[in-house]
Amino acid sequence: MQAIEPQAQHAWLQKLVGEWTYEVGGEEKMSGKEIIRPLGPFWIVGESEFTMPGGGQGSARITVGFDPQKGRFVGTWVGSMMTYLWVYDGELDASGRVLTLAADGPSMTGDGKTASYEDIIEMVSDDHRLFRARVRGEDGEWQPMMSADYRRVR
């Protein structure tokens, strides 16, 4: 097997490695912490623990890497509050600051339909990032679902 060299996209992911705290804005406030570790030079694995809206504890896991053959970011997300495995396909914007991860999954309306979602990670600085989640409505327009402000602890 030929040795694979990390690419610029892999290095971008490594900027996320560390311990973070976050606050979720909107009607239902939430806070949590996330620890992101490298899995070699090609992947990151994140573990998040948080207080759920209305009380109770939740946890989630994320994996993200870059597939040079596809020329796309790939990954998964699972949360303790649901049974669905989210599969990401994403790209970095031209500025090199914003990673958009797209996934299709069950509609949050509970109507049994599938919807398109985007999780958007924006690096404001080495120690500050923003997260936005949105869903495409039946009218084709993107609707915001959630936003969070992340600060690096270490």
N, C-alpha and C. Protein backbone atom coordinates (compact mmCIF):
# COMPACT_ATOMS: atom_id res chain seq x y z
N MET A 1 0.85 -1.18 0.00
CA MET A 1 0.00 0.00 0.00
C MET A 1 0.89 1.24 0.00
N GLN A 2 0.56 2.18 -0.83
CA GLN A 2 1.32 3.41 -0.95
C GLN A 2 1.06 4.31 0.26
N ALA A 3 2.11 4.93 0.78
CA ALA A 3 1.97 5.84 1.92
C ALA A 3 1.14 7.05 1.51
N ILE A 4 0.24 7.45 2.37
CA ILE A 4 -0.61 8.61 2.11
C ILE A 4 -0.12 9.76 2.96
N GLU A 5 0.07 10.90 2.35
CA GLU A 5 0.52 12.09 3.06
C GLU A 5 -0.69 12.94 3.45
N PRO A 6 -0.69 13.48 4.67
CA PRO A 6 -1.77 14.39 5.06
C PRO A 6 -1.81 15.59 4.13
N GLN A 7 -3.02 16.05 3.86
CA GLN A 7 -3.22 17.21 2.99
C GLN A 7 -3.64 18.41 3.83
N ALA A 8 -3.77 19.56 3.19
CA ALA A 8 -4.14 20.79 3.90
C ALA A 8 -5.47 20.63 4.64
N GLN A 9 -6.40 19.88 4.08
CA GLN A 9 -7.70 19.68 4.72
C GLN A 9 -7.55 18.89 6.02
N HIS A 10 -6.62 17.92 6.04
CA HIS A 10 -6.37 17.17 7.27
C HIS A 10 -5.79 18.10 8.34
N ALA A 11 -4.87 18.98 7.94
CA ALA A 11 -4.28 19.94 8.87
C ALA A 11 -5.35 20.88 9.42
N TRP A 12 -6.31 21.27 8.58
CA TRP A 12 -7.40 22.14 9.04
C TRP A 12 -8.18 21.46 10.16
N LEU A 13 -8.48 20.19 10.00
CA LEU A 13 -9.21 19.45 11.03
C LEU A 13 -8.45 19.42 12.35
N GLN A 14 -7.13 19.36 12.29
CA GLN A 14 -6.33 19.28 13.51
C GLN A 14 -6.44 20.56 14.35
N LYS A 15 -6.88 21.67 13.73
CA LYS A 15 -7.11 22.91 14.49
C LYS A 15 -8.22 22.74 15.51
N LEU A 16 -9.09 21.75 15.29
CA LEU A 16 -10.21 21.53 16.21
C LEU A 16 -9.81 20.72 17.44
N VAL A 17 -8.65 20.09 17.40
CA VAL A 17 -8.21 19.24 18.50
C VAL A 17 -8.03 20.08 19.77
N GLY A 18 -8.60 19.59 20.87
CA GLY A 18 -8.48 20.28 22.15
C GLY A 18 -9.74 20.11 22.97
N GLU A 19 -9.80 20.86 24.05
CA GLU A 19 -10.96 20.84 24.94
C GLU A 19 -11.69 22.17 24.80
N TRP A 20 -13.00 22.11 24.61
CA TRP A 20 -13.83 23.28 24.34
C TRP A 20 -15.02 23.31 25.30
N THR A 21 -15.48 24.50 25.63
CA THR A 21 -16.78 24.66 26.28
C THR A 21 -17.66 25.43 25.31
N TYR A 22 -18.96 25.25 25.43
CA TYR A 22 -19.85 25.96 24.53
C TYR A 22 -21.17 26.31 25.18
N GLU A 23 -21.77 27.36 24.62
CA GLU A 23 -23.09 27.84 25.01
C GLU A 23 -23.95 27.85 23.76
N VAL A 24 -25.16 27.31 23.89
CA VAL A 24 -26.10 27.29 22.78
C VAL A 24 -27.09 28.43 22.98
N GLY A 25 -27.26 29.23 21.94
CA GLY A 25 -28.19 30.34 22.01
C GLY A 25 -29.59 29.91 21.60
N GLY A 26 -30.48 30.88 21.55
CA GLY A 26 -31.85 30.60 21.13
C GLY A 26 -32.80 30.51 22.31
N GLU A 27 -34.01 30.03 22.03
CA GLU A 27 -35.04 29.95 23.05
C GLU A 27 -34.67 29.00 24.17
N GLU A 28 -34.08 27.86 23.82
CA GLU A 28 -33.72 26.86 24.81
C GLU A 28 -32.21 26.86 25.01
N LYS A 29 -31.77 27.50 26.08
CA LYS A 29 -30.34 27.61 26.38
C LYS A 29 -29.78 26.25 26.78
N MET A 30 -28.53 26.04 26.41
CA MET A 30 -27.87 24.78 26.70
C MET A 30 -26.37 25.06 26.77
N SER A 31 -25.65 24.29 27.56
CA SER A 31 -24.20 24.44 27.60
C SER A 31 -23.58 23.06 27.69
N GLY A 32 -22.29 23.00 27.35
CA GLY A 32 -21.63 21.71 27.40
C GLY A 32 -20.14 21.85 27.21
N LYS A 33 -19.50 20.69 27.12
CA LYS A 33 -18.07 20.65 26.86
C LYS A 33 -17.82 19.60 25.78
N GLU A 34 -16.75 19.81 25.03
CA GLU A 34 -16.38 18.88 23.97
C GLU A 34 -14.88 18.68 23.99
N ILE A 35 -14.47 17.44 23.88
CA ILE A 35 -13.06 17.11 23.76
C ILE A 35 -12.87 16.48 22.39
N ILE A 36 -11.99 17.08 21.60
CA ILE A 36 -11.70 16.56 20.26
C ILE A 36 -10.27 16.06 20.25
N ARG A 37 -10.12 14.81 19.83
CA ARG A 37 -8.80 14.16 19.78
C ARG A 37 -8.48 13.81 18.33
N PRO A 38 -7.18 13.77 18.02
CA PRO A 38 -6.80 13.30 16.69
C PRO A 38 -6.86 11.77 16.65
N LEU A 39 -7.19 11.24 15.51
CA LEU A 39 -7.06 9.80 15.24
C LEU A 39 -6.07 9.72 14.09
N GLY A 40 -4.79 9.72 14.44
CA GLY A 40 -3.75 9.84 13.43
C GLY A 40 -3.81 11.22 12.80
N PRO A 41 -3.16 11.40 11.66
CA PRO A 41 -3.16 12.71 11.03
C PRO A 41 -4.37 12.99 10.13
N PHE A 42 -5.24 11.97 9.97
CA PHE A 42 -6.32 12.09 8.98
C PHE A 42 -7.71 12.33 9.56
N TRP A 43 -7.91 12.03 10.85
CA TRP A 43 -9.25 12.07 11.43
C TRP A 43 -9.25 12.84 12.75
N ILE A 44 -10.43 13.34 13.11
CA ILE A 44 -10.67 13.83 14.46
C ILE A 44 -11.87 13.08 15.01
N VAL A 45 -11.88 12.89 16.32
CA VAL A 45 -12.99 12.25 17.01
C VAL A 45 -13.36 13.15 18.18
N GLY A 46 -14.61 13.58 18.22
CA GLY A 46 -15.07 14.47 19.28
C GLY A 46 -16.08 13.81 20.19
N GLU A 47 -15.95 14.12 21.49
CA GLU A 47 -16.88 13.63 22.50
C GLU A 47 -17.48 14.85 23.20
N SER A 48 -18.80 14.94 23.17
CA SER A 48 -19.48 16.09 23.74
C SER A 48 -20.43 15.64 24.84
N GLU A 49 -20.44 16.39 25.93
CA GLU A 49 -21.35 16.15 27.05
C GLU A 49 -22.08 17.47 27.31
N PHE A 50 -23.40 17.42 27.54
CA PHE A 50 -24.17 18.64 27.68
C PHE A 50 -25.42 18.42 28.50
N THR A 51 -25.98 19.55 28.94
CA THR A 51 -27.27 19.54 29.61
C THR A 51 -28.34 19.76 28.55
N MET A 52 -29.32 18.86 28.52
CA MET A 52 -30.38 18.93 27.52
C MET A 52 -31.37 20.04 27.86
N PRO A 53 -32.01 20.62 26.83
CA PRO A 53 -33.10 21.57 27.12
C PRO A 53 -34.16 20.86 27.95
N GLY A 54 -34.61 21.50 29.01
CA GLY A 54 -35.59 20.88 29.88
C GLY A 54 -34.97 19.99 30.95
N GLY A 55 -33.63 19.90 30.99
CA GLY A 55 -32.94 19.10 32.00
C GLY A 55 -32.47 17.77 31.46
N GLY A 56 -31.69 17.09 32.24
CA GLY A 56 -31.12 15.81 31.82
C GLY A 56 -29.81 16.00 31.11
N GLN A 57 -29.01 14.95 31.10
CA GLN A 57 -27.70 14.98 30.46
C GLN A 57 -27.76 14.29 29.10
N GLY A 58 -26.99 14.80 28.17
CA GLY A 58 -26.87 14.20 26.85
C GLY A 58 -25.42 14.07 26.46
N SER A 59 -25.16 13.23 25.49
CA SER A 59 -23.81 13.10 24.96
C SER A 59 -23.88 12.82 23.47
N ALA A 60 -22.80 13.15 22.78
CA ALA A 60 -22.73 12.95 21.34
C ALA A 60 -21.29 12.64 20.95
N ARG A 61 -21.13 11.98 19.81
CA ARG A 61 -19.82 11.66 19.27
C ARG A 61 -19.80 12.05 17.79
N ILE A 62 -18.68 12.62 17.37
CA ILE A 62 -18.51 13.01 15.98
C ILE A 62 -17.17 12.50 15.47
N THR A 63 -17.14 12.08 14.21
CA THR A 63 -15.89 11.76 13.52
C THR A 63 -15.87 12.59 12.24
N VAL A 64 -14.72 13.15 11.90
CA VAL A 64 -14.60 13.88 10.63
C VAL A 64 -13.20 13.63 10.08
N GLY A 65 -13.15 13.40 8.79
CA GLY A 65 -11.90 13.26 8.06
C GLY A 65 -12.04 13.87 6.69
N PHE A 66 -10.99 13.76 5.89
CA PHE A 66 -11.04 14.24 4.51
C PHE A 66 -10.64 13.09 3.61
N ASP A 67 -11.48 12.81 2.62
CA ASP A 67 -11.23 11.74 1.66
C ASP A 67 -10.65 12.35 0.38
N PRO A 68 -9.34 12.20 0.13
CA PRO A 68 -8.72 12.81 -1.05
C PRO A 68 -9.31 12.28 -2.36
N GLN A 69 -9.73 11.02 -2.39
CA GLN A 69 -10.30 10.47 -3.63
C GLN A 69 -11.61 11.15 -3.98
N LYS A 70 -12.41 11.43 -2.99
CA LYS A 70 -13.69 12.13 -3.21
C LYS A 70 -13.50 13.64 -3.30
N GLY A 71 -12.40 14.12 -2.69
CA GLY A 71 -12.19 15.56 -2.60
C GLY A 71 -13.19 16.20 -1.65
N ARG A 72 -13.65 15.43 -0.66
CA ARG A 72 -14.71 15.89 0.25
C ARG A 72 -14.38 15.49 1.69
N PHE A 73 -14.90 16.28 2.62
CA PHE A 73 -14.86 15.89 4.02
C PHE A 73 -15.94 14.84 4.24
N VAL A 74 -15.67 13.89 5.11
CA VAL A 74 -16.62 12.82 5.42
C VAL A 74 -16.66 12.63 6.93
N GLY A 75 -17.75 12.09 7.44
CA GLY A 75 -17.82 11.87 8.87
C GLY A 75 -19.15 11.31 9.31
N THR A 76 -19.28 11.19 10.63
CA THR A 76 -20.50 10.69 11.25
C THR A 76 -20.78 11.46 12.52
N TRP A 77 -22.05 11.39 12.96
CA TRP A 77 -22.46 11.98 14.23
C TRP A 77 -23.54 11.11 14.83
N VAL A 78 -23.42 10.83 16.14
CA VAL A 78 -24.46 10.12 16.89
C VAL A 78 -24.69 10.85 18.20
N GLY A 79 -25.93 10.82 18.67
CA GLY A 79 -26.28 11.45 19.94
C GLY A 79 -27.10 10.51 20.80
N SER A 80 -26.96 10.67 22.11
CA SER A 80 -27.64 9.79 23.06
C SER A 80 -29.16 9.97 23.05
N MET A 81 -29.65 11.04 22.43
CA MET A 81 -31.07 11.34 22.43
C MET A 81 -31.81 10.80 21.21
N MET A 82 -31.09 10.09 20.31
CA MET A 82 -31.75 9.59 19.09
C MET A 82 -31.08 8.30 18.62
N THR A 83 -31.74 7.61 17.69
CA THR A 83 -31.24 6.32 17.21
C THR A 83 -30.63 6.41 15.82
N TYR A 84 -30.59 7.59 15.22
CA TYR A 84 -30.14 7.74 13.84
C TYR A 84 -28.63 7.99 13.77
N LEU A 85 -27.95 7.33 12.83
CA LEU A 85 -26.54 7.59 12.54
C LEU A 85 -26.48 8.60 11.40
N TRP A 86 -25.99 9.79 11.70
CA TRP A 86 -25.86 10.85 10.70
C TRP A 86 -24.56 10.66 9.94
N VAL A 87 -24.61 10.71 8.61
CA VAL A 87 -23.43 10.55 7.77
C VAL A 87 -23.20 11.86 7.03
N TYR A 88 -22.01 12.42 7.26
CA TYR A 88 -21.66 13.73 6.70
C TYR A 88 -20.95 13.63 5.35
N ASP A 89 -21.19 14.67 4.55
CA ASP A 89 -20.45 14.95 3.32
C ASP A 89 -20.23 16.46 3.34
N GLY A 90 -18.98 16.91 3.25
CA GLY A 90 -18.78 18.34 3.40
C GLY A 90 -17.66 18.95 2.61
N GLU A 91 -17.61 20.29 2.71
CA GLU A 91 -16.57 21.04 2.02
C GLU A 91 -16.20 22.28 2.82
N LEU A 92 -14.96 22.71 2.60
CA LEU A 92 -14.43 23.93 3.19
C LEU A 92 -14.66 25.07 2.22
N ASP A 93 -15.06 26.23 2.73
CA ASP A 93 -15.31 27.36 1.84
C ASP A 93 -14.00 27.97 1.34
N ALA A 94 -14.10 28.90 0.41
CA ALA A 94 -12.91 29.50 -0.22
C ALA A 94 -12.04 30.26 0.78
N SER A 95 -12.64 30.77 1.86
CA SER A 95 -11.86 31.51 2.86
C SER A 95 -11.02 30.59 3.73
N GLY A 96 -11.34 29.28 3.73
CA GLY A 96 -10.63 28.33 4.58
C GLY A 96 -11.02 28.41 6.04
N ARG A 97 -12.13 29.09 6.33
CA ARG A 97 -12.58 29.26 7.72
C ARG A 97 -13.85 28.49 8.05
N VAL A 98 -14.63 28.12 7.04
CA VAL A 98 -15.97 27.56 7.28
C VAL A 98 -16.09 26.18 6.65
N LEU A 99 -16.34 25.19 7.49
CA LEU A 99 -16.58 23.82 7.05
C LEU A 99 -18.07 23.54 7.14
N THR A 100 -18.69 23.20 6.02
CA THR A 100 -20.10 22.85 5.99
C THR A 100 -20.24 21.36 5.78
N LEU A 101 -20.90 20.70 6.73
CA LEU A 101 -21.12 19.26 6.70
C LEU A 101 -22.60 19.01 6.46
N ALA A 102 -22.92 18.38 5.34
CA ALA A 102 -24.31 18.11 4.97
C ALA A 102 -24.68 16.67 5.32
N ALA A 103 -25.94 16.48 5.69
CA ALA A 103 -26.45 15.14 5.99
C ALA A 103 -27.95 15.12 5.76
N ASP A 104 -28.44 14.00 5.31
CA ASP A 104 -29.89 13.78 5.22
C ASP A 104 -30.28 12.89 6.38
N GLY A 105 -31.46 13.15 6.93
CA GLY A 105 -31.92 12.35 8.06
C GLY A 105 -33.39 12.58 8.31
N PRO A 106 -33.89 11.96 9.38
CA PRO A 106 -35.31 12.08 9.67
C PRO A 106 -35.72 13.52 9.96
N SER A 107 -36.87 13.89 9.45
CA SER A 107 -37.41 15.22 9.70
C SER A 107 -37.68 15.39 11.19
N MET A 108 -37.34 16.53 11.72
CA MET A 108 -37.56 16.79 13.14
C MET A 108 -39.02 17.06 13.45
N THR A 109 -39.87 17.12 12.42
CA THR A 109 -41.29 17.35 12.64
C THR A 109 -42.01 16.07 13.04
N GLY A 110 -41.34 14.91 12.90
CA GLY A 110 -41.96 13.65 13.28
C GLY A 110 -42.96 13.13 12.26
N ASP A 111 -42.89 13.66 11.03
CA ASP A 111 -43.85 13.25 10.00
C ASP A 111 -43.39 12.02 9.20
N GLY A 112 -42.24 11.45 9.60
CA GLY A 112 -41.74 10.25 8.91
C GLY A 112 -40.99 10.54 7.63
N LYS A 113 -40.87 11.80 7.25
CA LYS A 113 -40.16 12.19 6.04
C LYS A 113 -38.67 12.37 6.34
N THR A 114 -37.90 12.53 5.26
CA THR A 114 -36.48 12.82 5.36
C THR A 114 -36.26 14.30 5.04
N ALA A 115 -35.27 14.89 5.68
CA ALA A 115 -34.94 16.29 5.44
C ALA A 115 -33.43 16.41 5.23
N SER A 116 -33.01 17.54 4.64
CA SER A 116 -31.60 17.84 4.44
C SER A 116 -31.15 18.83 5.52
N TYR A 117 -29.98 18.57 6.09
CA TYR A 117 -29.43 19.38 7.17
C TYR A 117 -28.01 19.81 6.83
N GLU A 118 -27.58 20.89 7.48
CA GLU A 118 -26.18 21.31 7.41
C GLU A 118 -25.70 21.68 8.81
N ASP A 119 -24.54 21.16 9.17
CA ASP A 119 -23.82 21.59 10.37
C ASP A 119 -22.63 22.40 9.88
N ILE A 120 -22.54 23.63 10.35
CA ILE A 120 -21.55 24.58 9.84
C ILE A 120 -20.60 24.97 10.97
N ILE A 121 -19.31 24.71 10.77
CA ILE A 121 -18.27 25.03 11.76
C ILE A 121 -17.45 26.18 11.19
N GLU A 122 -17.42 27.29 11.92
CA GLU A 122 -16.64 28.46 11.48
C GLU A 122 -15.54 28.75 12.49
N MET A 123 -14.29 28.73 12.04
CA MET A 123 -13.15 29.06 12.90
C MET A 123 -12.99 30.58 12.91
N VAL A 124 -13.32 31.20 14.03
CA VAL A 124 -13.17 32.65 14.19
C VAL A 124 -11.70 32.96 14.50
N SER A 125 -11.12 32.14 15.38
CA SER A 125 -9.70 32.23 15.71
C SER A 125 -9.27 30.84 16.18
N ASP A 126 -8.01 30.68 16.56
CA ASP A 126 -7.54 29.37 17.03
C ASP A 126 -8.29 28.90 18.27
N ASP A 127 -8.80 29.84 19.06
CA ASP A 127 -9.45 29.51 20.33
C ASP A 127 -10.94 29.81 20.36
N HIS A 128 -11.53 30.12 19.22
CA HIS A 128 -12.95 30.49 19.17
C HIS A 128 -13.55 29.98 17.86
N ARG A 129 -14.64 29.25 17.98
CA ARG A 129 -15.35 28.80 16.80
C ARG A 129 -16.84 28.91 17.01
N LEU A 130 -17.55 29.02 15.92
CA LEU A 130 -19.01 29.09 15.93
C LEU A 130 -19.57 27.84 15.26
N PHE A 131 -20.74 27.44 15.71
CA PHE A 131 -21.43 26.30 15.12
C PHE A 131 -22.87 26.73 14.81
N ARG A 132 -23.33 26.38 13.61
CA ARG A 132 -24.71 26.64 13.23
C ARG A 132 -25.27 25.38 12.59
N ALA A 133 -26.50 25.05 12.95
CA ALA A 133 -27.20 23.93 12.31
C ALA A 133 -28.44 24.49 11.64
N ARG A 134 -28.72 23.97 10.46
CA ARG A 134 -29.92 24.43 9.75
C ARG A 134 -30.52 23.28 8.97
N VAL A 135 -31.81 23.44 8.62
CA VAL A 135 -32.56 22.42 7.90
C VAL A 135 -33.21 23.08 6.68
N ARG A 136 -33.27 22.33 5.60
CA ARG A 136 -33.94 22.86 4.39
C ARG A 136 -35.44 22.59 4.53
N GLY A 137 -36.20 23.65 4.47
CA GLY A 137 -37.66 23.55 4.57
C GLY A 137 -38.26 23.01 3.29
N GLU A 138 -39.53 22.67 3.35
CA GLU A 138 -40.23 22.16 2.15
C GLU A 138 -40.25 23.19 1.03
N ASP A 139 -40.08 24.48 1.37
CA ASP A 139 -40.03 25.53 0.36
C ASP A 139 -38.65 25.66 -0.28
N GLY A 140 -37.68 24.83 0.19
CA GLY A 140 -36.33 24.86 -0.37
C GLY A 140 -35.40 25.83 0.32
N GLU A 141 -35.92 26.63 1.24
CA GLU A 141 -35.12 27.62 1.95
C GLU A 141 -34.50 27.00 3.22
N TRP A 142 -33.28 27.45 3.55
CA TRP A 142 -32.61 26.98 4.76
C TRP A 142 -33.16 27.71 5.97
N GLN A 143 -33.51 26.94 7.01
CA GLN A 143 -34.05 27.49 8.25
C GLN A 143 -33.06 27.20 9.39
N PRO A 144 -32.69 28.22 10.18
CA PRO A 144 -31.78 27.98 11.30
C PRO A 144 -32.44 27.09 12.36
N MET A 145 -31.64 26.18 12.95
CA MET A 145 -32.14 25.31 14.00
C MET A 145 -31.45 25.60 15.33
N MET A 146 -30.15 25.87 15.27
CA MET A 146 -29.37 26.01 16.49
C MET A 146 -28.08 26.75 16.18
N SER A 147 -27.56 27.45 17.18
CA SER A 147 -26.23 28.06 17.05
C SER A 147 -25.53 27.93 18.39
N ALA A 148 -24.21 27.80 18.34
CA ALA A 148 -23.42 27.66 19.56
C ALA A 148 -22.11 28.41 19.41
N ASP A 149 -21.61 28.88 20.52
CA ASP A 149 -20.37 29.63 20.61
C ASP A 149 -19.38 28.77 21.40
N TYR A 150 -18.29 28.35 20.78
CA TYR A 150 -17.28 27.48 21.39
C TYR A 150 -16.03 28.26 21.75
N ARG A 151 -15.52 28.00 22.95
CA ARG A 151 -14.26 28.62 23.40
C ARG A 151 -13.31 27.51 23.85
N ARG A 152 -12.06 27.61 23.40
CA ARG A 152 -11.06 26.62 23.76
C ARG A 152 -10.68 26.76 25.24
N VAL A 153 -10.67 25.63 25.93
CA VAL A 153 -10.20 25.59 27.32
C VAL A 153 -8.71 25.27 27.32
N ARG A 154 -8.32 24.32 26.46
CA ARG A 154 -6.90 23.98 26.27
C ARG A 154 -6.74 23.18 25.00
